[in-house]
Protein backbone atom coordinates (compact mmCIF):
# COMPACT_ATOMS: atom_id res chain seq x y z
CA MET A 1 56.32 15.09 -62.27
CA ARG A 2 56.94 17.21 -59.07
CA ARG A 3 60.27 18.91 -58.38
CA GLN A 4 62.09 18.48 -55.29
CA LEU A 5 63.77 20.67 -52.55
CA VAL A 6 66.14 19.91 -50.20
CA SER A 7 66.98 21.83 -47.01
CA VAL A 8 69.74 21.29 -44.45
CA VAL A 9 69.89 22.48 -40.86
CA ILE A 10 73.06 22.16 -39.11
CA PHE A 11 74.70 23.20 -35.61
CA SER A 12 78.51 22.28 -36.52
CA VAL A 13 80.78 25.04 -36.01
CA TRP A 14 82.27 24.93 -32.37
CA ILE A 15 81.37 21.06 -31.56
CA PRO A 16 82.35 17.41 -32.85
CA VAL A 17 78.47 16.46 -33.43
CA CYS A 18 75.71 18.19 -35.82
CA LEU A 19 72.10 18.85 -35.97
CA VAL A 20 70.80 18.44 -39.73
CA ALA A 21 67.47 18.15 -41.17
CA GLN A 22 66.63 17.19 -44.92
CA TYR A 23 63.67 18.26 -46.52
CA GLY A 24 63.35 16.45 -50.32
CA ALA A 25 62.44 13.72 -51.94
CA PRO A 26 62.12 10.49 -49.61
CA ILE A 27 63.81 7.46 -51.42
CA GLY A 28 61.47 5.86 -53.45
CA GLY A 29 59.80 8.46 -54.79
CA GLY A 30 56.67 10.47 -53.19
CA GLY A 31 58.97 13.62 -52.74
CA LEU A 32 57.94 16.85 -51.24
CA PRO A 33 57.36 19.49 -53.92
CA LEU A 34 58.40 22.86 -54.26
CA PRO A 35 55.17 24.88 -54.08
CA TRP A 36 56.22 27.48 -57.04
CA HIS A 37 56.59 24.23 -59.44
CA HIS A 38 53.46 25.38 -61.25
CA LYS A 39 53.61 29.14 -60.68
CA LYS A 40 56.68 29.93 -62.42
CA SER A 41 56.65 32.43 -64.88
CA GLN A 42 57.85 32.38 -68.41
CA LYS A 43 60.42 35.12 -67.29
CA ASP A 44 61.66 32.66 -64.28
CA SER A 45 61.88 29.72 -66.89
CA THR A 46 64.07 31.73 -69.38
CA GLY A 47 66.98 31.50 -67.32
CA LEU A 48 67.03 35.48 -66.55
CA PRO A 49 67.91 36.58 -63.10
CA THR A 50 65.66 36.35 -60.25
CA ILE A 51 68.06 36.51 -57.33
CA SER A 52 70.60 39.25 -56.85
CA ALA A 53 72.83 39.95 -53.92
CA ASP A 54 76.16 41.51 -53.02
CA GLY A 55 79.32 39.61 -50.89
CA ARG A 56 82.70 38.16 -51.17
CA THR A 57 83.87 35.01 -53.05
CA VAL A 58 84.86 31.93 -51.57
CA SER A 59 85.81 30.01 -54.25
CA ASN A 60 85.90 29.96 -57.93
CA ASP A 61 86.73 26.95 -60.31
CA GLY A 62 85.42 27.69 -63.43
CA LYS A 63 82.68 25.63 -63.06
CA LYS A 64 80.80 27.03 -59.31
CA LEU A 65 81.32 29.95 -57.97
CA VAL A 66 80.50 30.55 -54.27
CA VAL A 67 79.92 33.70 -52.65
CA ALA A 68 79.29 34.46 -49.12
CA THR A 69 76.93 37.51 -48.65
CA GLU A 70 76.53 39.72 -45.46
CA ASP A 71 73.26 38.68 -44.56
CA GLY A 72 74.40 35.19 -43.44
CA ARG A 73 73.92 33.19 -47.03
CA THR A 74 76.54 31.40 -48.99
CA LEU A 75 75.21 31.16 -52.61
CA THR A 76 76.48 28.29 -54.75
CA LEU A 77 76.11 29.35 -58.22
CA LYS A 78 77.01 26.97 -61.71
CA VAL A 79 79.07 28.84 -64.20
CA GLU A 80 78.38 28.77 -67.84
CA SER A 81 79.71 30.01 -71.07
CA LYS A 82 77.30 32.33 -71.10
CA THR A 83 77.57 33.72 -67.90
CA LYS A 84 78.85 37.21 -68.09
CA PHE A 85 81.80 38.59 -66.15
CA ALA A 86 82.50 42.50 -65.73
CA GLN A 87 83.90 45.53 -64.18
CA SER A 88 83.04 49.04 -64.53
CA GLY A 89 81.09 47.98 -67.56
CA LYS A 90 83.94 46.35 -69.45
CA ASP A 91 83.97 42.41 -69.89
CA ILE A 92 86.51 40.64 -68.01
CA ALA A 93 87.87 36.86 -67.68
CA ALA A 94 85.80 34.61 -64.90
CA ALA A 95 89.69 33.99 -63.80
CA GLN A 96 89.44 37.62 -62.26
CA ILE A 97 86.93 36.68 -59.70
CA VAL A 98 89.33 35.09 -57.22
CA PRO A 99 88.40 33.99 -53.58
CA ARG A 100 87.99 37.52 -51.37
CA THR A 101 86.70 39.28 -54.40
CA GLN A 102 83.55 41.72 -53.59
CA VAL A 103 81.26 41.03 -56.36
CA HIS A 104 77.63 41.68 -57.27
CA VAL A 105 75.95 38.47 -58.64
CA GLU A 106 72.58 37.91 -60.41
CA ALA A 107 71.09 34.46 -60.68
CA ALA A 108 68.55 32.23 -62.13
CA GLU A 109 67.01 29.92 -59.94
CA ASP A 110 65.39 26.62 -61.29
CA GLU A 111 62.45 24.52 -59.72
CA GLU A 112 64.77 22.80 -57.53
CA ALA A 113 66.11 26.23 -56.01
CA TYR A 114 69.45 25.73 -57.27
CA LEU A 115 71.21 28.78 -59.00
CA THR A 116 72.87 29.80 -62.36
CA ALA A 117 75.24 32.73 -62.24
CA VAL A 118 74.15 35.32 -65.22
CA ARG A 119 76.13 38.26 -64.48
CA VAL A 120 78.86 38.67 -62.14
CA GLU A 121 80.30 42.03 -61.73
CA LEU A 122 83.59 42.86 -59.78
CA VAL A 123 83.49 45.47 -57.14
CA LYS A 124 86.73 45.26 -55.44
CA ASP A 125 89.56 43.29 -56.32
CA ALA A 126 90.91 40.91 -53.71
CA GLY A 127 94.19 42.86 -53.43
CA GLN A 128 91.95 46.08 -52.16
CA ASN A 129 90.76 43.78 -49.44
CA VAL A 130 94.35 43.18 -48.06
CA GLY A 131 94.94 44.32 -44.65
CA GLN A 132 91.17 44.79 -43.74
CA THR A 133 89.81 43.34 -40.69
CA GLU A 134 86.53 41.33 -40.45
CA ALA A 135 83.83 43.25 -38.74
CA PRO A 136 83.77 42.33 -34.89
CA ALA A 137 81.27 39.35 -33.85
CA SER A 138 77.91 41.16 -33.01
CA SER A 139 76.71 40.50 -29.48
CA GLY A 140 73.34 40.18 -31.14
CA ALA A 141 71.65 43.10 -29.74
CA GLY A 142 71.89 44.82 -33.21
CA ASP A 143 71.02 42.07 -35.24
CA GLN A 144 67.46 42.02 -34.70
CA PRO A 145 64.75 44.19 -33.21
CA ASP A 146 63.86 43.27 -29.58
CA ARG A 147 60.60 41.48 -29.41
CA PRO A 148 58.42 40.96 -26.09
CA ARG A 149 58.55 37.16 -26.49
CA SER A 150 60.71 35.80 -29.03
CA THR A 151 59.88 32.40 -29.12
CA VAL A 152 58.54 29.75 -31.80
CA SER A 153 55.32 29.84 -30.13
CA GLU A 154 54.40 33.24 -32.22
CA SER A 155 53.17 33.19 -35.79
CA PRO A 156 55.10 35.31 -38.67
CA VAL A 157 52.94 38.42 -39.05
CA ASP A 158 52.66 37.74 -42.88
CA ALA A 159 51.12 34.08 -42.29
CA PRO A 160 48.68 33.82 -39.76
CA ASP A 161 47.45 30.67 -40.48
CA ARG A 162 50.80 28.72 -40.72
CA PRO A 163 51.15 25.68 -38.45
CA ILE A 164 53.51 26.54 -35.60
CA LEU A 165 55.15 24.60 -32.91
CA ARG A 166 53.01 25.40 -29.64
CA ARG A 167 53.90 22.18 -27.54
CA GLY A 168 56.05 24.21 -24.90
CA LYS A 169 53.57 27.47 -24.70
CA PRO A 170 52.29 27.74 -21.10
CA LYS A 171 48.26 27.10 -20.81
CA THR A 172 47.55 30.72 -19.39
CA GLU A 173 48.89 32.26 -22.53
CA GLU A 174 46.97 30.15 -25.18
CA SER A 175 45.01 32.45 -27.27
CA ALA A 176 41.17 32.41 -28.00
CA SER A 177 42.04 30.96 -31.49
CA PRO A 178 43.67 28.02 -31.71
CA PRO A 179 46.45 27.16 -34.27
CA ARG A 180 45.59 25.76 -37.48
CA ALA A 181 47.87 22.51 -36.84
CA GLU A 182 48.77 21.75 -33.35
CA SER A 183 52.08 19.28 -32.83
CA HIS A 184 51.99 16.06 -30.79
CA ASN A 185 51.41 16.75 -27.10
CA ASN A 186 53.96 14.24 -25.78
CA GLY A 187 52.95 14.19 -22.07
CA THR A 188 54.85 17.80 -22.08
CA ASP A 189 52.45 20.10 -20.07
CA PHE A 190 53.22 23.50 -18.68
CA THR A 191 51.61 25.49 -15.59
CA ILE A 192 52.18 28.60 -14.05
CA THR A 193 50.57 29.72 -10.60
CA GLU A 194 49.89 32.84 -9.07
CA ASP A 195 52.31 32.66 -6.38
CA ASP A 196 54.95 31.73 -9.01
CA ALA A 197 54.45 34.86 -10.81
CA ASN A 198 54.47 37.30 -7.57
CA SER A 199 57.64 35.31 -6.66
CA ASP A 200 59.65 35.90 -10.13
CA ALA A 201 60.69 39.55 -9.02
CA ARG A 202 61.80 38.65 -5.63
CA ASN A 203 63.74 35.62 -6.90
CA ARG A 204 65.66 37.39 -9.98
CA PRO A 205 68.92 37.10 -8.53
CA ALA A 206 68.57 33.09 -7.96
CA TYR A 207 67.49 32.88 -11.49
CA ASP A 208 70.33 35.05 -12.82
CA ALA A 209 72.82 32.18 -10.95
CA LEU A 210 70.31 29.37 -12.06
CA ILE A 211 71.24 29.91 -15.84
CA GLY A 212 74.58 30.19 -15.30
CA ARG A 213 74.78 26.71 -13.70
CA ALA A 214 72.53 25.79 -16.72
CA LYS A 215 75.42 26.83 -18.91
CA ASP A 216 78.26 24.69 -17.03
CA TRP A 217 75.71 22.01 -17.14
CA ALA A 218 75.32 21.76 -20.66
CA LEU A 219 78.98 22.52 -21.52
CA ASN A 220 79.81 19.38 -19.73
CA PHE A 221 77.00 17.49 -21.15
CA THR A 222 78.78 15.36 -23.61
CA SER A 223 82.04 14.48 -21.40
CA GLY A 224 79.35 12.62 -18.60
CA LEU A 225 77.70 10.82 -21.10
CA PRO A 226 78.38 7.10 -21.35
CA ASN A 227 78.48 5.22 -24.54
CA PHE A 228 74.76 4.06 -25.75
CA VAL A 229 72.58 2.93 -28.52
CA CYS A 230 69.04 3.82 -29.30
CA GLN A 231 66.22 3.66 -31.87
CA GLN A 232 65.32 6.71 -33.44
CA SER A 233 61.79 6.74 -35.65
CA THR A 234 60.99 9.62 -37.47
CA THR A 235 57.66 10.51 -38.90
CA ARG A 236 57.28 13.02 -42.01
CA TYR A 237 54.50 15.27 -42.56
CA MET A 238 53.67 17.59 -45.08
CA GLU A 239 50.86 20.24 -45.11
CA GLU A 240 50.04 21.94 -48.65
CA SER A 241 47.00 24.00 -47.49
CA LYS A 242 45.01 24.64 -44.40
CA SER A 243 42.16 22.54 -45.07
CA SER A 244 44.44 19.51 -45.97
CA GLY A 245 46.18 19.44 -42.71
CA TRP A 246 49.07 17.40 -42.30
CA GLN A 247 49.54 14.20 -44.29
CA ALA A 248 52.02 11.81 -43.22
CA GLN A 249 54.46 10.96 -45.92
CA ASP A 250 56.71 7.97 -44.52
CA VAL A 251 58.62 6.74 -41.38
CA VAL A 252 62.38 6.48 -40.83
CA THR A 253 63.71 4.36 -38.49
CA ALA A 254 67.87 4.25 -37.76
CA LYS A 255 69.78 2.55 -34.88
CA VAL A 256 71.94 5.07 -33.22
CA VAL A 257 75.24 4.53 -31.71
CA PHE A 258 76.59 7.48 -29.40
CA GLU A 259 80.54 6.48 -28.94
CA ASP A 260 82.76 8.96 -27.58
CA GLY A 261 81.00 11.80 -27.83
CA LYS A 262 80.00 11.33 -31.48
CA GLU A 263 76.86 9.82 -33.33
CA SER A 264 76.78 7.26 -36.17
CA TYR A 265 73.67 5.42 -37.93
CA SER A 266 72.99 2.15 -38.94
CA GLU A 267 70.28 -0.08 -40.07
CA ILE A 268 68.14 2.48 -41.71
CA THR A 269 64.63 2.05 -43.21
CA VAL A 270 62.39 3.79 -44.92
CA GLY A 271 58.94 3.19 -45.42
CA GLY A 272 59.96 -0.43 -43.47
CA LYS A 273 62.57 -1.08 -46.10
CA ARG A 274 66.15 -0.99 -45.56
CA VAL A 275 68.49 1.49 -47.57
CA ASN A 276 72.12 1.49 -48.27
CA LYS A 277 72.84 5.32 -48.07
CA SER A 278 73.47 7.41 -45.01
CA MET A 279 71.26 9.55 -43.07
CA LEU A 280 72.35 12.66 -45.27
CA GLU A 281 72.10 10.71 -48.67
CA LEU A 282 68.48 10.03 -47.78
CA GLY A 283 66.60 12.95 -49.22
CA GLY A 284 63.35 14.05 -47.79
CA SER A 285 63.23 15.33 -44.51
CA THR A 286 65.95 13.60 -42.00
CA SER A 287 67.55 14.44 -38.41
CA ILE A 288 70.78 13.81 -36.85
CA GLY A 289 72.73 15.57 -33.87
CA GLU A 290 70.12 16.29 -31.15
CA PHE A 291 71.80 14.45 -28.28
CA ALA A 292 74.49 17.49 -27.55
CA SER A 293 74.88 19.80 -30.50
CA VAL A 294 72.16 22.50 -29.94
CA LEU A 295 72.92 22.53 -26.33
CA ARG A 296 76.66 23.18 -26.64
CA SER A 297 76.09 25.61 -29.42
CA LEU A 298 73.41 27.48 -27.45
CA PHE A 299 75.80 27.99 -24.43
CA SER A 300 78.89 28.08 -26.23
CA ASP A 301 80.73 31.68 -25.45
CA ALA A 302 81.05 31.89 -28.96
CA SER A 303 77.42 32.36 -29.38
CA GLN A 304 77.54 35.35 -27.00
CA THR A 305 73.61 34.26 -26.52
CA GLN A 306 71.29 36.67 -24.48
CA PHE A 307 69.46 35.13 -22.12
CA THR A 308 66.65 36.74 -20.24
CA PHE A 309 64.37 35.44 -17.46
CA TYR A 310 60.89 35.49 -18.70
CA ARG A 311 58.77 33.26 -15.91
CA SER A 312 58.77 30.21 -13.60
CA ALA A 313 56.65 27.27 -14.82
CA THR A 314 56.54 23.73 -14.52
CA ILE A 315 57.37 20.97 -16.94
CA ARG A 316 56.42 17.53 -16.22
CA ASP A 317 55.33 18.14 -12.62
CA LEU A 318 58.91 19.80 -12.18
CA PRO A 319 59.83 23.41 -11.10
CA ALA A 320 61.19 25.11 -13.98
CA ALA A 321 62.77 28.60 -15.21
CA ILE A 322 61.75 29.73 -18.42
CA TYR A 323 64.17 32.34 -20.34
CA ASP A 324 64.11 33.44 -23.78
CA PHE A 325 67.39 33.81 -25.64
CA LYS A 326 68.88 35.31 -29.03
CA VAL A 327 71.84 34.77 -31.22
CA GLY A 328 73.27 37.16 -33.52
CA LEU A 329 73.91 36.72 -37.18
CA ARG A 330 77.39 37.06 -36.75
CA ASN A 331 77.50 34.41 -34.03
CA SER A 332 75.09 32.06 -35.51
CA ASP A 333 76.22 28.17 -36.14
CA TRP A 334 73.04 27.38 -37.37
CA PHE A 335 73.36 25.98 -41.08
CA THR A 336 70.48 25.88 -43.46
CA GLN A 337 70.40 24.79 -46.91
CA VAL A 338 67.87 25.03 -49.79
CA GLY A 339 69.41 24.27 -53.20
CA GLY A 340 72.14 26.60 -54.24
CA GLN A 341 71.46 28.75 -51.30
CA SER A 342 72.79 28.21 -47.60
CA LEU A 343 72.10 30.41 -44.38
CA LYS A 344 73.43 30.89 -40.95
CA PRO A 345 70.49 33.18 -39.34
CA ALA A 346 70.30 34.72 -36.46
CA TYR A 347 67.68 33.06 -34.17
CA SER A 348 66.02 33.38 -30.90
CA GLY A 349 63.67 30.83 -28.87
CA SER A 350 63.25 29.86 -25.11
CA VAL A 351 64.84 27.19 -23.11
CA TRP A 352 63.30 25.57 -19.90
CA VAL A 353 65.77 24.78 -16.98
CA ASP A 354 65.16 22.69 -14.06
CA ARG A 355 65.20 24.84 -10.96
CA SER A 356 66.54 22.18 -8.82
CA THR A 357 69.33 20.78 -11.12
CA ALA A 358 69.84 23.43 -13.59
CA GLU A 359 69.42 20.65 -16.32
CA VAL A 360 67.85 21.89 -19.28
CA ARG A 361 64.67 20.46 -20.06
CA ARG A 362 63.21 21.78 -23.64
CA ILE A 363 64.53 24.05 -26.18
CA GLU A 364 62.71 25.89 -28.68
CA LEU A 365 64.25 27.81 -31.55
CA GLU A 366 63.40 29.82 -34.65
CA ALA A 367 65.38 31.54 -37.59
CA ASN A 368 65.04 35.27 -37.58
CA ASN A 369 65.55 37.74 -40.41
CA ILE A 370 65.51 35.05 -43.01
CA PRO A 371 66.47 36.98 -46.26
CA LYS A 372 63.63 37.54 -48.49
CA ASP A 373 65.45 35.67 -51.56
CA PHE A 374 65.78 32.59 -49.72
CA PRO A 375 63.22 29.77 -50.54
CA LEU A 376 61.86 29.06 -46.66
CA ASP A 377 60.46 32.19 -44.42
CA MET A 378 59.99 30.20 -41.67
CA VAL A 379 62.76 27.28 -40.05
CA GLN A 380 61.81 26.07 -36.45
CA TRP A 381 63.05 23.37 -34.04
CA ALA A 382 62.10 22.09 -30.38
CA ILE A 383 63.66 19.32 -28.73
CA ASP A 384 62.57 17.92 -25.10
CA TYR A 385 64.65 16.10 -22.71
CA ASP A 386 63.96 13.57 -19.89
CA LYS A 387 65.50 10.92 -17.75
CA VAL A 388 66.80 7.78 -19.29
CA ARG A 389 68.40 5.02 -17.54
CA LEU A 390 71.38 3.58 -18.79
CA GLY A 391 72.81 0.81 -16.84
CA THR A 392 72.40 1.61 -12.90
CA ALA A 393 72.38 5.40 -13.58
CA ASP A 394 69.75 7.99 -14.90
CA PHE A 395 70.82 10.46 -17.87
CA LEU A 396 69.22 13.48 -19.40
CA LEU A 397 68.32 12.42 -22.70
CA PRO A 398 66.30 13.47 -25.85
CA VAL A 399 63.34 11.68 -26.04
CA HIS A 400 61.32 14.01 -28.72
CA ALA A 401 61.84 16.41 -31.07
CA GLU A 402 59.95 18.32 -33.95
CA ASN A 403 61.15 20.55 -36.63
CA LEU A 404 58.97 22.78 -39.23
CA ALA A 405 59.68 24.61 -42.50
CA CYS A 406 57.73 26.40 -44.97
CA TRP A 407 58.22 27.48 -48.06
CA ARG A 408 58.02 31.37 -49.12
CA GLY A 409 54.70 32.88 -50.00
CA SER A 410 52.74 29.78 -49.76
CA THR A 411 50.81 27.70 -47.64
CA THR A 412 53.12 24.55 -47.96
CA CYS A 413 55.08 23.57 -44.57
CA VAL A 414 57.03 19.96 -43.75
CA LYS A 415 57.46 18.53 -40.19
CA ASN A 416 59.54 15.99 -38.65
CA ALA A 417 58.27 14.26 -35.28
CA ILE A 418 61.23 12.36 -34.07
CA ASP A 419 61.14 9.74 -31.30
CA PHE A 420 64.07 8.12 -29.33
CA ARG A 421 63.43 5.14 -27.65
CA ASP A 422 64.99 1.72 -26.45
CA TYR A 423 68.13 3.69 -24.75
CA HIS A 424 70.70 0.98 -23.43
CA LYS A 425 74.52 1.10 -22.69
CA PHE A 426 76.87 0.36 -25.79
CA SER A 427 80.40 -1.17 -25.52
CA GLY A 428 82.63 -1.08 -28.85
CA GLU A 429 84.90 -4.33 -29.10
CA SER A 430 88.32 -4.67 -31.54
CA THR A 431 90.54 -7.41 -32.07
CA ILE A 432 94.12 -7.13 -32.65
CA THR A 433 96.18 -10.00 -34.12
CA PHE A 434 99.60 -10.09 -35.17
CA GLU A 435 101.11 -11.89 -38.21
CA LYS A 436 103.39 -14.93 -37.31
């Protein structure tokens, strides 16, 4: 029997809606396996520590210990009767590990990536932390090394054959060796002319102003949208090896209602069968929140996003400008959870901005500097926006999205291809009655 993995990706700190993707067991079985299920050593299976980390406790109720680490993770550890608590080599009571206590934890990871605390060492108690201030938020410059082209078009150096999202890569940049697995084209083409390249330097002030206009547009994006409803269809894929290629697992559909800036999901089906669960309870790979969350998070002042003009291009025959961006670890609100570990990683990517309207047409992003103990070593996202008619006016809304995640140390990856169709205005109704 194959074990299952659940991963959640979420943007949710400063905005009312969230972006979530899950990777786990679809309803009815046929789940997505942990690639190391049959590779666990005897040491791993005996409950001996496989993960160690330093951090500060968030909570401890005697059954569950939550620890936040400096590399952006939050560890949720099961506490058992055999869990050892110590300070300076002496045993202590578990109750001494209170919130804001600095600890070193050693944990065992099971086949579903959940954690059990083996040993918890108290390094500095909570009283010694009183009065200290948190480290200032980073601008992002020191959180990750500079890279000449930091987008999801690149593959990690330790896994050159991994499937990668290349849909937004300009044709002039395509490498001689094509990637092992291409994403759906969806009609998104990018071209760059010599005249555009030669004029980029001369027009640099205009491009600097354009990203400012794009920020204003993005931060007002939600308030300008009417209430609407659409159909979301998600095809879920898994690839276990280079030779197997992408294998479709199933299709999830849902009716999405966007009302007063918030999304709700109903009439959910998995493999054509109605289910009585929310999108977040389905298991498997699901997605919500593409309508406004990524835009607002990326352009929020709190994110302190560093935008760098890359070059001019065209997208769907429209003149566009491509900007690379970085968001530092301390400013990230991209939340990814796998079993007992969650992570808010630093991330980078590219954004395509319409040069005439300053509207965002495409966003690509990838997690950077993922900790070596985290079960995933690649997480990527891409969203395409296009004009959609609602009533008598056109609005820019997501039409397609893809996300990709790969298990550390393996060739196993999962991918969602999400389409949004049949948009139309939605009017909520309410009735008030008075008792006689």
